[in-house]
Amino acid sequence: LMVDTAKKCQATEQDVELFCRGIQQICEDDEENNFLENVGDYLAEICFLACRHKVKLEAAFINAALACEIMEGIASSLYPTMEVQRIALPMVFKAELMHGLKGFKVPGLSS
C-alpha cells in the first residue's frame, strides 16, 4: 500500500521489490512482539528503506505512526494496565482508510 498510494514515486521495480522485502522482514521480526513498543524503531527503519529505495512515503502514514507512538506513551503513563493499541489501532486504521483509500473495505470493521 505504501508504494501503491505514493505520488511521484521514483523507485524502479527493483527498488520497490527491495523495499517490500525490507517491510516484510520488519513484520516477520515483529511477529512475537507488541508493535507499538517498538514503533519508533520501525518508523526509522521504514524511513531508511524508503530513502534508500526512493519510495516516497505518504505523510498520512508518518502522521498516523507518530500519533500512535505519542498516544501509547501518554496512555501508558496514565494507565499502565490499559491496552491502548487493542482499542485504538482499529479506529486509527479505519480513519486512515476513510481519508486515503475510499472504497477499500476491511473485513471485521463496520462502517
PDB file of N, CA and C in Angstrom:
ATOM      1  N   LEU A   1       0.809  -1.196   0.000  1.00  0.00           N
ATOM      2  CA  LEU A   1       0.000   0.000   0.000  1.00  0.00           C
ATOM      3  C   LEU A   1       0.852   1.261   0.000  1.00  0.00           C
ATOM      4  N   MET A   2       1.972   1.240   0.708  1.00  0.00           N
ATOM      5  CA  MET A   2       2.814   2.437   0.762  1.00  0.00           C
ATOM      6  C   MET A   2       3.287   2.823  -0.627  1.00  0.00           C
ATOM      7  N   VAL A   3       3.670   1.848  -1.417  1.00  0.00           N
ATOM      8  CA  VAL A   3       4.170   2.120  -2.763  1.00  0.00           C
ATOM      9  C   VAL A   3       3.022   2.468  -3.691  1.00  0.00           C
ATOM     10  N   ASP A   4       1.901   1.767  -3.578  1.00  0.00           N
ATOM     11  CA  ASP A   4       0.767   1.983  -4.468  1.00  0.00           C
ATOM     12  C   ASP A   4       0.140   3.359  -4.306  1.00  0.00           C
ATOM     13  N   THR A   5       0.139   3.900  -3.095  1.00  0.00           N
ATOM     14  CA  THR A   5      -0.537   5.182  -2.870  1.00  0.00           C
ATOM     15  C   THR A   5       0.402   6.377  -2.930  1.00  0.00           C
ATOM     16  N   ALA A   6       1.699   6.142  -2.996  1.00  0.00           N
ATOM     17  CA  ALA A   6       2.663   7.246  -3.022  1.00  0.00           C
ATOM     18  C   ALA A   6       2.585   7.981  -4.356  1.00  0.00           C
ATOM     19  N   LYS A   7       2.613   9.290  -4.290  1.00  0.00           N
ATOM     20  CA  LYS A   7       2.587  10.115  -5.503  1.00  0.00           C
ATOM     21  C   LYS A   7       4.022  10.373  -5.957  1.00  0.00           C
ATOM     22  N   LYS A   8       4.233  10.337  -7.252  1.00  0.00           N
ATOM     23  CA  LYS A   8       5.533  10.634  -7.840  1.00  0.00           C
ATOM     24  C   LYS A   8       6.663   9.772  -7.266  1.00  0.00           C
ATOM     25  N   CYS A   9       6.406   8.500  -7.170  1.00  0.00           N
ATOM     26  CA  CYS A   9       7.422   7.563  -6.682  1.00  0.00           C
ATOM     27  C   CYS A   9       8.491   7.406  -7.762  1.00  0.00           C
ATOM     28  N   GLN A  10       9.766   7.577  -7.395  1.00  0.00           N
ATOM     29  CA  GLN A  10      10.863   7.475  -8.351  1.00  0.00           C
ATOM     30  C   GLN A  10      11.547   6.108  -8.306  1.00  0.00           C
ATOM     31  N   ALA A  11      10.947   5.181  -7.606  1.00  0.00           N
ATOM     32  CA  ALA A  11      11.560   3.867  -7.433  1.00  0.00           C
ATOM     33  C   ALA A  11      11.440   3.025  -8.703  1.00  0.00           C
ATOM     34  N   THR A  12      12.495   2.263  -8.952  1.00  0.00           N
ATOM     35  CA  THR A  12      12.453   1.289 -10.039  1.00  0.00           C
ATOM     36  C   THR A  12      11.733   0.046  -9.521  1.00  0.00           C
ATOM     37  N   GLU A  13      11.458  -0.893 -10.419  1.00  0.00           N
ATOM     38  CA  GLU A  13      10.819  -2.143  -9.993  1.00  0.00           C
ATOM     39  C   GLU A  13      11.688  -2.877  -8.967  1.00  0.00           C
ATOM     40  N   GLN A  14      13.001  -2.839  -9.163  1.00  0.00           N
ATOM     41  CA  GLN A  14      13.913  -3.491  -8.222  1.00  0.00           C
ATOM     42  C   GLN A  14      13.880  -2.777  -6.865  1.00  0.00           C
ATOM     43  N   ASP A  15      13.834  -1.450  -6.874  1.00  0.00           N
ATOM     44  CA  ASP A  15      13.739  -0.692  -5.629  1.00  0.00           C
ATOM     45  C   ASP A  15      12.462  -1.056  -4.869  1.00  0.00           C
ATOM     46  N   VAL A  16      11.364  -1.144  -5.594  1.00  0.00           N
ATOM     47  CA  VAL A  16      10.084  -1.484  -4.968  1.00  0.00           C
ATOM     48  C   VAL A  16      10.163  -2.881  -4.352  1.00  0.00           C
ATOM     49  N   GLU A  17      10.749  -3.813  -5.077  1.00  0.00           N
ATOM     50  CA  GLU A  17      10.891  -5.184  -4.567  1.00  0.00           C
ATOM     51  C   GLU A  17      11.745  -5.208  -3.298  1.00  0.00           C
ATOM     52  N   LEU A  18      12.853  -4.500  -3.302  1.00  0.00           N
ATOM     53  CA  LEU A  18      13.724  -4.468  -2.124  1.00  0.00           C
ATOM     54  C   LEU A  18      13.059  -3.759  -0.947  1.00  0.00           C
ATOM     55  N   PHE A  19      12.312  -2.701  -1.220  1.00  0.00           N
ATOM     56  CA  PHE A  19      11.566  -2.003  -0.178  1.00  0.00           C
ATOM     57  C   PHE A  19      10.549  -2.958   0.444  1.00  0.00           C
ATOM     58  N   CYS A  20       9.799  -3.655  -0.402  1.00  0.00           N
ATOM     59  CA  CYS A  20       8.782  -4.595   0.090  1.00  0.00           C
ATOM     60  C   CYS A  20       9.408  -5.724   0.909  1.00  0.00           C
ATOM     61  N   ARG A  21      10.560  -6.213   0.481  1.00  0.00           N
ATOM     62  CA  ARG A  21      11.258  -7.246   1.263  1.00  0.00           C
ATOM     63  C   ARG A  21      11.674  -6.708   2.632  1.00  0.00           C
ATOM     64  N   GLY A  22      12.124  -5.466   2.662  1.00  0.00           N
ATOM     65  CA  GLY A  22      12.501  -4.850   3.931  1.00  0.00           C
ATOM     66  C   GLY A  22      11.312  -4.716   4.866  1.00  0.00           C
ATOM     67  N   ILE A  23      10.176  -4.298   4.331  1.00  0.00           N
ATOM     68  CA  ILE A  23       8.949  -4.183   5.133  1.00  0.00           C
ATOM     69  C   ILE A  23       8.518  -5.562   5.615  1.00  0.00           C
ATOM     70  N   GLN A  24       8.602  -6.554   4.737  1.00  0.00           N
ATOM     71  CA  GLN A  24       8.244  -7.922   5.115  1.00  0.00           C
ATOM     72  C   GLN A  24       9.141  -8.408   6.255  1.00  0.00           C
ATOM     73  N   GLN A  25      10.421  -8.095   6.190  1.00  0.00           N
ATOM     74  CA  GLN A  25      11.358  -8.511   7.238  1.00  0.00           C
ATOM     75  C   GLN A  25      11.005  -7.853   8.573  1.00  0.00           C
ATOM     76  N   ILE A  26      10.634  -6.577   8.545  1.00  0.00           N
ATOM     77  CA  ILE A  26      10.212  -5.887   9.768  1.00  0.00           C
ATOM     78  C   ILE A  26       8.999  -6.599  10.366  1.00  0.00           C
ATOM     79  N   CYS A  27       8.037  -6.943   9.527  1.00  0.00           N
ATOM     80  CA  CYS A  27       6.822  -7.627  10.002  1.00  0.00           C
ATOM     81  C   CYS A  27       7.150  -9.003  10.577  1.00  0.00           C
ATOM     82  N   GLU A  28       8.005  -9.749   9.906  1.00  0.00           N
ATOM     83  CA  GLU A  28       8.384 -11.076  10.398  1.00  0.00           C
ATOM     84  C   GLU A  28       9.148 -10.990  11.715  1.00  0.00           C
ATOM     85  N   ASP A  29      10.032 -10.004  11.820  1.00  0.00           N
ATOM     86  CA  ASP A  29      10.799  -9.831  13.053  1.00  0.00           C
ATOM     87  C   ASP A  29       9.905  -9.443  14.225  1.00  0.00           C
ATOM     88  N   ASP A  30       8.781  -8.799  13.938  1.00  0.00           N
ATOM     89  CA  ASP A  30       7.891  -8.295  14.983  1.00  0.00           C
ATOM     90  C   ASP A  30       6.773  -9.267  15.354  1.00  0.00           C
ATOM     91  N   GLU A  31       6.682 -10.404  14.696  1.00  0.00           N
ATOM     92  CA  GLU A  31       5.561 -11.322  14.907  1.00  0.00           C
ATOM     93  C   GLU A  31       5.270 -11.605  16.368  1.00  0.00           C
ATOM     94  N   GLU A  32       6.277 -11.760  17.174  1.00  0.00           N
ATOM     95  CA  GLU A  32       6.094 -12.133  18.571  1.00  0.00           C
ATOM     96  C   GLU A  32       6.096 -10.929  19.515  1.00  0.00           C
ATOM     97  N   ASN A  33       6.220  -9.718  18.998  1.00  0.00           N
ATOM     98  CA  ASN A  33       6.337  -8.533  19.844  1.00  0.00           C
ATOM     99  C   ASN A  33       5.106  -7.650  19.742  1.00  0.00           C
ATOM    100  N   ASN A  34       5.025  -6.707  20.641  1.00  0.00           N
ATOM    101  CA  ASN A  34       3.985  -5.681  20.601  1.00  0.00           C
ATOM    102  C   ASN A  34       4.509  -4.564  19.715  1.00  0.00           C
ATOM    103  N   PHE A  35       3.887  -4.376  18.570  1.00  0.00           N
ATOM    104  CA  PHE A  35       4.367  -3.405  17.583  1.00  0.00           C
ATOM    105  C   PHE A  35       4.589  -2.029  18.177  1.00  0.00           C
ATOM    106  N   LEU A  36       3.640  -1.547  18.976  1.00  0.00           N
ATOM    107  CA  LEU A  36       3.726  -0.184  19.476  1.00  0.00           C
ATOM    108  C   LEU A  36       4.875   0.032  20.450  1.00  0.00           C
ATOM    109  N   GLU A  37       5.381  -1.029  21.050  1.00  0.00           N
ATOM    110  CA  GLU A  37       6.525  -0.867  21.940  1.00  0.00           C
ATOM    111  C   GLU A  37       7.781  -0.485  21.165  1.00  0.00           C
ATOM    112  N   ASN A  38       7.800  -0.792  19.884  1.00  0.00           N
ATOM    113  CA  ASN A  38       8.977  -0.548  19.054  1.00  0.00           C
ATOM    114  C   ASN A  38       8.671   0.319  17.838  1.00  0.00           C
ATOM    115  N   VAL A  39       7.549   1.013  17.850  1.00  0.00           N
ATOM    116  CA  VAL A  39       7.130   1.740  16.648  1.00  0.00           C
ATOM    117  C   VAL A  39       8.156   2.787  16.222  1.00  0.00           C
ATOM    118  N   GLY A  40       8.838   3.414  17.159  1.00  0.00           N
ATOM    119  CA  GLY A  40       9.862   4.394  16.802  1.00  0.00           C
ATOM    120  C   GLY A  40      10.988   3.762  16.000  1.00  0.00           C
ATOM    121  N   ASP A  41      11.425   2.576  16.427  1.00  0.00           N
ATOM    122  CA  ASP A  41      12.470   1.852  15.697  1.00  0.00           C
ATOM    123  C   ASP A  41      11.989   1.456  14.309  1.00  0.00           C
ATOM    124  N   TYR A  42      10.754   0.956  14.240  1.00  0.00           N
ATOM    125  CA  TYR A  42      10.220   0.521  12.953  1.00  0.00           C
ATOM    126  C   TYR A  42      10.032   1.700  12.008  1.00  0.00           C
ATOM    127  N   LEU A  43       9.578   2.810  12.552  1.00  0.00           N
ATOM    128  CA  LEU A  43       9.401   4.007  11.728  1.00  0.00           C
ATOM    129  C   LEU A  43      10.743   4.457  11.153  1.00  0.00           C
ATOM    130  N   ALA A  44      11.779   4.408  11.970  1.00  0.00           N
ATOM    131  CA  ALA A  44      13.119   4.769  11.486  1.00  0.00           C
ATOM    132  C   ALA A  44      13.568   3.800  10.387  1.00  0.00           C
ATOM    133  N   GLU A  45      13.314   2.500  10.573  1.00  0.00           N
ATOM    134  CA  GLU A  45      13.692   1.503   9.566  1.00  0.00           C
ATOM    135  C   GLU A  45      12.916   1.718   8.266  1.00  0.00           C
ATOM    136  N   ILE A  46      11.620   2.008   8.392  1.00  0.00           N
ATOM    137  CA  ILE A  46      10.797   2.233   7.201  1.00  0.00           C
ATOM    138  C   ILE A  46      11.265   3.473   6.453  1.00  0.00           C
ATOM    139  N   CYS A  47      11.567   4.532   7.182  1.00  0.00           N
ATOM    140  CA  CYS A  47      12.067   5.761   6.541  1.00  0.00           C
ATOM    141  C   CYS A  47      13.414   5.513   5.857  1.00  0.00           C
ATOM    142  N   PHE A  48      14.295   4.734   6.505  1.00  0.00           N
ATOM    143  CA  PHE A  48      15.579   4.381   5.902  1.00  0.00           C
ATOM    144  C   PHE A  48      15.354   3.600   4.609  1.00  0.00           C
ATOM    145  N   LEU A  49      14.466   2.601   4.660  1.00  0.00           N
ATOM    146  CA  LEU A  49      14.174   1.809   3.460  1.00  0.00           C
ATOM    147  C   LEU A  49      13.607   2.690   2.346  1.00  0.00           C
ATOM    148  N   ALA A  50      12.706   3.579   2.703  1.00  0.00           N
ATOM    149  CA  ALA A  50      12.084   4.460   1.708  1.00  0.00           C
ATOM    150  C   ALA A  50      13.128   5.363   1.057  1.00  0.00           C
ATOM    151  N   CYS A  51      14.008   5.911   1.864  1.00  0.00           N
ATOM    152  CA  CYS A  51      15.055   6.792   1.341  1.00  0.00           C
ATOM    153  C   CYS A  51      16.017   6.007   0.436  1.00  0.00           C
ATOM    154  N   ARG A  52      16.433   4.870   0.915  1.00  0.00           N
ATOM    155  CA  ARG A  52      17.390   4.053   0.168  1.00  0.00           C
ATOM    156  C   ARG A  52      16.835   3.586  -1.178  1.00  0.00           C
ATOM    157  N   HIS A  53      15.538   3.255  -1.186  1.00  0.00           N
ATOM    158  CA  HIS A  53      14.934   2.693  -2.397  1.00  0.00           C
ATOM    159  C   HIS A  53      14.036   3.679  -3.136  1.00  0.00           C
ATOM    160  N   LYS A  54      14.141   4.959  -2.789  1.00  0.00           N
ATOM    161  CA  LYS A  54      13.433   6.041  -3.491  1.00  0.00           C
ATOM    162  C   LYS A  54      11.913   5.864  -3.499  1.00  0.00           C
ATOM    163  N   VAL A  55      11.380   5.333  -2.403  1.00  0.00           N
ATOM    164  CA  VAL A  55       9.935   5.171  -2.264  1.00  0.00           C
ATOM    165  C   VAL A  55       9.432   6.335  -1.424  1.00  0.00           C
ATOM    166  N   LYS A  56       8.559   7.127  -2.010  1.00  0.00           N
ATOM    167  CA  LYS A  56       8.019   8.282  -1.287  1.00  0.00           C
ATOM    168  C   LYS A  56       6.911   7.805  -0.357  1.00  0.00           C
ATOM    169  N   LEU A  57       7.052   8.111   0.920  1.00  0.00           N
ATOM    170  CA  LEU A  57       6.037   7.732   1.898  1.00  0.00           C
ATOM    171  C   LEU A  57       4.969   8.819   1.983  1.00  0.00           C
ATOM    172  N   GLU A  58       3.742   8.407   2.155  1.00  0.00           N
ATOM    173  CA  GLU A  58       2.648   9.342   2.344  1.00  0.00           C
ATOM    174  C   GLU A  58       2.779   9.976   3.728  1.00  0.00           C
ATOM    175  N   ALA A  59       2.536  11.254   3.794  1.00  0.00           N
ATOM    176  CA  ALA A  59       2.582  11.970   5.072  1.00  0.00           C
ATOM    177  C   ALA A  59       1.578  11.388   6.053  1.00  0.00           C
ATOM    178  N   ALA A  60       0.445  10.914   5.563  1.00  0.00           N
ATOM    179  CA  ALA A  60      -0.584  10.340   6.438  1.00  0.00           C
ATOM    180  C   ALA A  60      -0.052   9.124   7.187  1.00  0.00           C
ATOM    181  N   PHE A  61       0.790   8.328   6.532  1.00  0.00           N
ATOM    182  CA  PHE A  61       1.372   7.164   7.194  1.00  0.00           C
ATOM    183  C   PHE A  61       2.286   7.597   8.339  1.00  0.00           C
ATOM    184  N   ILE A  62       3.147   8.549   8.065  1.00  0.00           N
ATOM    185  CA  ILE A  62       4.071   9.029   9.094  1.00  0.00           C
ATOM    186  C   ILE A  62       3.289   9.660  10.243  1.00  0.00           C
ATOM    187  N   ASN A  63       2.297  10.474   9.909  1.00  0.00           N
ATOM    188  CA  ASN A  63       1.476  11.111  10.942  1.00  0.00           C
ATOM    189  C   ASN A  63       0.768  10.085  11.811  1.00  0.00           C
ATOM    190  N   ALA A  64       0.204   9.054  11.194  1.00  0.00           N
ATOM    191  CA  ALA A  64      -0.510   8.024  11.957  1.00  0.00           C
ATOM    192  C   ALA A  64       0.448   7.259  12.873  1.00  0.00           C
ATOM    193  N   ALA A  65       1.624   6.929  12.368  1.00  0.00           N
ATOM    194  CA  ALA A  65       2.601   6.201  13.182  1.00  0.00           C
ATOM    195  C   ALA A  65       3.060   7.033  14.375  1.00  0.00           C
ATOM    196  N   LEU A  66       3.356   8.290  14.132  1.00  0.00           N
ATOM    197  CA  LEU A  66       3.779   9.167  15.231  1.00  0.00           C
ATOM    198  C   LEU A  66       2.643   9.396  16.231  1.00  0.00           C
ATOM    199  N   ALA A  67       1.427   9.549  15.730  1.00  0.00           N
ATOM    200  CA  ALA A  67       0.274   9.738  16.626  1.00  0.00           C
ATOM    201  C   ALA A  67       0.081   8.521  17.518  1.00  0.00           C
ATOM    202  N   CYS A  68       0.252   7.327  16.948  1.00  0.00           N
ATOM    203  CA  CYS A  68       0.128   6.100  17.747  1.00  0.00           C
ATOM    204  C   CYS A  68       1.202   6.044  18.821  1.00  0.00           C
ATOM    205  N   GLU A  69       2.410   6.409  18.477  1.00  0.00           N
ATOM    206  CA  GLU A  69       3.509   6.378  19.448  1.00  0.00           C
ATOM    207  C   GLU A  69       3.250   7.375  20.582  1.00  0.00           C
ATOM    208  N   ILE A  70       2.828   8.557  20.249  1.00  0.00           N
ATOM    209  CA  ILE A  70       2.538   9.567  21.279  1.00  0.00           C
ATOM    210  C   ILE A  70       1.371   9.125  22.154  1.00  0.00           C
ATOM    211  N   MET A  71       0.317   8.637  21.516  1.00  0.00           N
ATOM    212  CA  MET A  71      -0.861   8.183  22.251  1.00  0.00           C
ATOM    213  C   MET A  71      -0.508   7.050  23.209  1.00  0.00           C
ATOM    214  N   GLU A  72       0.267   6.106  22.748  1.00  0.00           N
ATOM    215  CA  GLU A  72       0.668   4.976  23.586  1.00  0.00           C
ATOM    216  C   GLU A  72       1.498   5.459  24.776  1.00  0.00           C
ATOM    217  N   GLY A  73       2.396   6.377  24.538  1.00  0.00           N
ATOM    218  CA  GLY A  73       3.233   6.891  25.628  1.00  0.00           C
ATOM    219  C   GLY A  73       2.428   7.606  26.689  1.00  0.00           C
ATOM    220  N   ILE A  74       1.516   8.450  26.264  1.00  0.00           N
ATOM    221  CA  ILE A  74       0.674   9.178  27.216  1.00  0.00           C
ATOM    222  C   ILE A  74      -0.238   8.213  27.968  1.00  0.00           C
ATOM    223  N   ALA A  75      -0.886   7.329  27.243  1.00  0.00           N
ATOM    224  CA  ALA A  75      -1.824   6.395  27.876  1.00  0.00           C
ATOM    225  C   ALA A  75      -1.121   5.453  28.846  1.00  0.00           C
ATOM    226  N   SER A  76       0.050   4.963  28.465  1.00  0.00           N
ATOM    227  CA  SER A  76       0.748   4.035  29.365  1.00  0.00           C
ATOM    228  C   SER A  76       1.258   4.743  30.612  1.00  0.00           C
ATOM    229  N   SER A  77       1.527   6.035  30.514  1.00  0.00           N
ATOM    230  CA  SER A  77       1.913   6.800  31.704  1.00  0.00           C
ATOM    231  C   SER A  77       0.720   6.991  32.637  1.00  0.00           C
ATOM    232  N   LEU A  78      -0.443   7.252  32.066  1.00  0.00           N
ATOM    233  CA  LEU A  78      -1.636   7.488  32.867  1.00  0.00           C
ATOM    234  C   LEU A  78      -2.284   6.199  33.360  1.00  0.00           C
ATOM    235  N   TYR A  79      -2.328   5.199  32.489  1.00  0.00           N
ATOM    236  CA  TYR A  79      -2.985   3.924  32.810  1.00  0.00           C
ATOM    237  C   TYR A  79      -2.087   2.767  32.371  1.00  0.00           C
ATOM    238  N   PRO A  80      -1.138   2.368  33.202  1.00  0.00           N
ATOM    239  CA  PRO A  80      -0.166   1.341  32.800  1.00  0.00           C
ATOM    240  C   PRO A  80      -0.774  -0.001  32.385  1.00  0.00           C
ATOM    241  N   THR A  81      -1.955  -0.347  32.894  1.00  0.00           N
ATOM    242  CA  THR A  81      -2.535  -1.659  32.559  1.00  0.00           C
ATOM    243  C   THR A  81      -3.465  -1.619  31.346  1.00  0.00           C
ATOM    244  N   MET A  82      -3.733  -0.455  30.818  1.00  0.00           N
ATOM    245  CA  MET A  82      -4.656  -0.322  29.690  1.00  0.00           C
ATOM    246  C   MET A  82      -3.987  -0.754  28.389  1.00  0.00           C
ATOM    247  N   GLU A  83      -4.715  -1.489  27.566  1.00  0.00           N
ATOM    248  CA  GLU A  83      -4.209  -1.962  26.274  1.00  0.00           C
ATOM    249  C   GLU A  83      -4.688  -1.019  25.177  1.00  0.00           C
ATOM    250  N   VAL A  84      -4.023   0.108  25.064  1.00  0.00           N
ATOM    251  CA  VAL A  84      -4.441   1.150  24.126  1.00  0.00           C
ATOM    252  C   VAL A  84      -4.432   0.653  22.692  1.00  0.00           C
ATOM    253  N   GLN A  85      -3.386  -0.051  22.293  1.00  0.00           N
ATOM    254  CA  GLN A  85      -3.283  -0.462  20.902  1.00  0.00           C
ATOM    255  C   GLN A  85      -4.428  -1.375  20.495  1.00  0.00           C
ATOM    256  N   ARG A  86      -4.906  -2.212  21.382  1.00  0.00           N
ATOM    257  CA  ARG A  86      -6.008  -3.119  21.049  1.00  0.00           C
ATOM    258  C   ARG A  86      -7.280  -2.326  20.752  1.00  0.00           C
ATOM    259  N   ILE A  87      -7.468  -1.231  21.456  1.00  0.00           N
ATOM    260  CA  ILE A  87      -8.661  -0.411  21.292  1.00  0.00           C
ATOM    261  C   ILE A  87      -8.493   0.605  20.159  1.00  0.00           C
ATOM    262  N   ALA A  88      -7.349   1.258  20.117  1.00  0.00           N
ATOM    263  CA  ALA A  88      -7.174   2.407  19.226  1.00  0.00           C
ATOM    264  C   ALA A  88      -6.751   2.060  17.806  1.00  0.00           C
ATOM    265  N   LEU A  89      -5.946   1.044  17.626  1.00  0.00           N
ATOM    266  CA  LEU A  89      -5.441   0.772  16.288  1.00  0.00           C
ATOM    267  C   LEU A  89      -6.541   0.522  15.255  1.00  0.00           C
ATOM    268  N   PRO A  90      -7.573  -0.246  15.571  1.00  0.00           N
ATOM    269  CA  PRO A  90      -8.638  -0.400  14.568  1.00  0.00           C
ATOM    270  C   PRO A  90      -9.285   0.934  14.197  1.00  0.00           C
ATOM    271  N   MET A  91      -9.433   1.825  15.171  1.00  0.00           N
ATOM    272  CA  MET A  91     -10.029   3.135  14.878  1.00  0.00           C
ATOM    273  C   MET A  91      -9.100   3.982  14.007  1.00  0.00           C
ATOM    274  N   VAL A  92      -7.823   3.980  14.315  1.00  0.00           N
ATOM    275  CA  VAL A  92      -6.854   4.746  13.524  1.00  0.00           C
ATOM    276  C   VAL A  92      -6.807   4.199  12.105  1.00  0.00           C
ATOM    277  N   PHE A  93      -6.766   2.883  11.982  1.00  0.00           N
ATOM    278  CA  PHE A  93      -6.707   2.244  10.674  1.00  0.00           C
ATOM    279  C   PHE A  93      -7.953   2.588   9.853  1.00  0.00           C
ATOM    280  N   LYS A  94      -9.121   2.509  10.489  1.00  0.00           N
ATOM    281  CA  LYS A  94     -10.361   2.820   9.796  1.00  0.00           C
ATOM    282  C   LYS A  94     -10.382   4.279   9.336  1.00  0.00           C
ATOM    283  N   ALA A  95      -9.912   5.184  10.195  1.00  0.00           N
ATOM    284  CA  ALA A  95      -9.873   6.600   9.824  1.00  0.00           C
ATOM    285  C   ALA A  95      -8.939   6.831   8.643  1.00  0.00           C
ATOM    286  N   GLU A  96      -7.783   6.206   8.657  1.00  0.00           N
ATOM    287  CA  GLU A  96      -6.848   6.349   7.546  1.00  0.00           C
ATOM    288  C   GLU A  96      -7.451   5.816   6.254  1.00  0.00           C
ATOM    289  N   LEU A  97      -8.148   4.703   6.346  1.00  0.00           N
ATOM    290  CA  LEU A  97      -8.785   4.151   5.147  1.00  0.00           C
ATOM    291  C   LEU A  97      -9.853   5.087   4.607  1.00  0.00           C
ATOM    292  N   MET A  98     -10.639   5.664   5.498  1.00  0.00           N
ATOM    293  CA  MET A  98     -11.699   6.565   5.057  1.00  0.00           C
ATOM    294  C   MET A  98     -11.118   7.807   4.386  1.00  0.00           C
ATOM    295  N   HIS A  99      -9.987   8.292   4.869  1.00  0.00           N
ATOM    296  CA  HIS A  99      -9.405   9.516   4.314  1.00  0.00           C
ATOM    297  C   HIS A  99      -8.541   9.255   3.084  1.00  0.00           C
ATOM    298  N   GLY A 100      -7.878   8.110   3.052  1.00  0.00           N
ATOM    299  CA  GLY A 100      -6.923   7.891   1.982  1.00  0.00           C
ATOM    300  C   GLY A 100      -7.300   6.867   0.942  1.00  0.00           C
ATOM    301  N   LEU A 101      -8.079   5.875   1.316  1.00  0.00           N
ATOM    302  CA  LEU A 101      -8.387   4.789   0.391  1.00  0.00           C
ATOM    303  C   LEU A 101      -9.892   4.559   0.335  1.00  0.00           C
ATOM    304  N   LYS A 102     -10.619   5.520  -0.138  1.00  0.00           N
ATOM    305  CA  LYS A 102     -12.074   5.424  -0.192  1.00  0.00           C
ATOM    306  C   LYS A 102     -12.482   4.194  -1.004  1.00  0.00           C
ATOM    307  N   GLY A 103     -13.459   3.479  -0.493  1.00  0.00           N
ATOM    308  CA  GLY A 103     -13.954   2.297  -1.182  1.00  0.00           C
ATOM    309  C   GLY A 103     -13.247   1.020  -0.775  1.00  0.00           C
ATOM    310  N   PHE A 104     -12.134   1.117  -0.063  1.00  0.00           N
ATOM    311  CA  PHE A 104     -11.414  -0.069   0.397  1.00  0.00           C
ATOM    312  C   PHE A 104     -12.072  -0.566   1.668  1.00  0.00           C
ATOM    313  N   LYS A 105     -12.493  -1.816   1.701  1.00  0.00           N
ATOM    314  CA  LYS A 105     -13.181  -2.380   2.864  1.00  0.00           C
ATOM    315  C   LYS A 105     -12.250  -3.343   3.592  1.00  0.00           C
ATOM    316  N   VAL A 106     -12.292  -3.282   4.899  1.00  0.00           N
ATOM    317  CA  VAL A 106     -11.506  -4.185   5.735  1.00  0.00           C
ATOM    318  C   VAL A 106     -12.474  -5.129   6.425  1.00  0.00           C
ATOM    319  N   PRO A 107     -12.301  -6.445   6.233  1.00  0.00           N
ATOM    320  CA  PRO A 107     -13.183  -7.391   6.904  1.00  0.00           C
ATOM    321  C   PRO A 107     -13.127  -7.199   8.424  1.00  0.00           C
ATOM    322  N   GLY A 108     -14.291  -7.215   9.058  1.00  0.00           N
ATOM    323  CA  GLY A 108     -14.338  -7.092  10.512  1.00  0.00           C
ATOM    324  C   GLY A 108     -14.493  -5.686  11.021  1.00  0.00           C
ATOM    325  N   LEU A 109     -14.323  -4.691  10.159  1.00  0.00           N
ATOM    326  CA  LEU A 109     -14.518  -3.296  10.573  1.00  0.00           C
ATOM    327  C   LEU A 109     -15.829  -2.805   9.984  1.00  0.00           C
ATOM    328  N   SER A 110     -16.781  -2.499  10.851  1.00  0.00           N
ATOM    329  CA  SER A 110     -18.062  -1.999  10.359  1.00  0.00           C
ATOM    330  C   SER A 110     -17.974  -0.515  10.085  1.00  0.00           C
ATOM    331  N   SER A 111     -18.816  -0.021   9.221  1.00  0.00           N
ATOM    332  CA  SER A 111     -18.785   1.391   8.829  1.00  0.00           C
ATOM    333  C   SER A 111     -19.319   2.297   9.881  1.00  0.00           C
TER     334      SER A 111
END
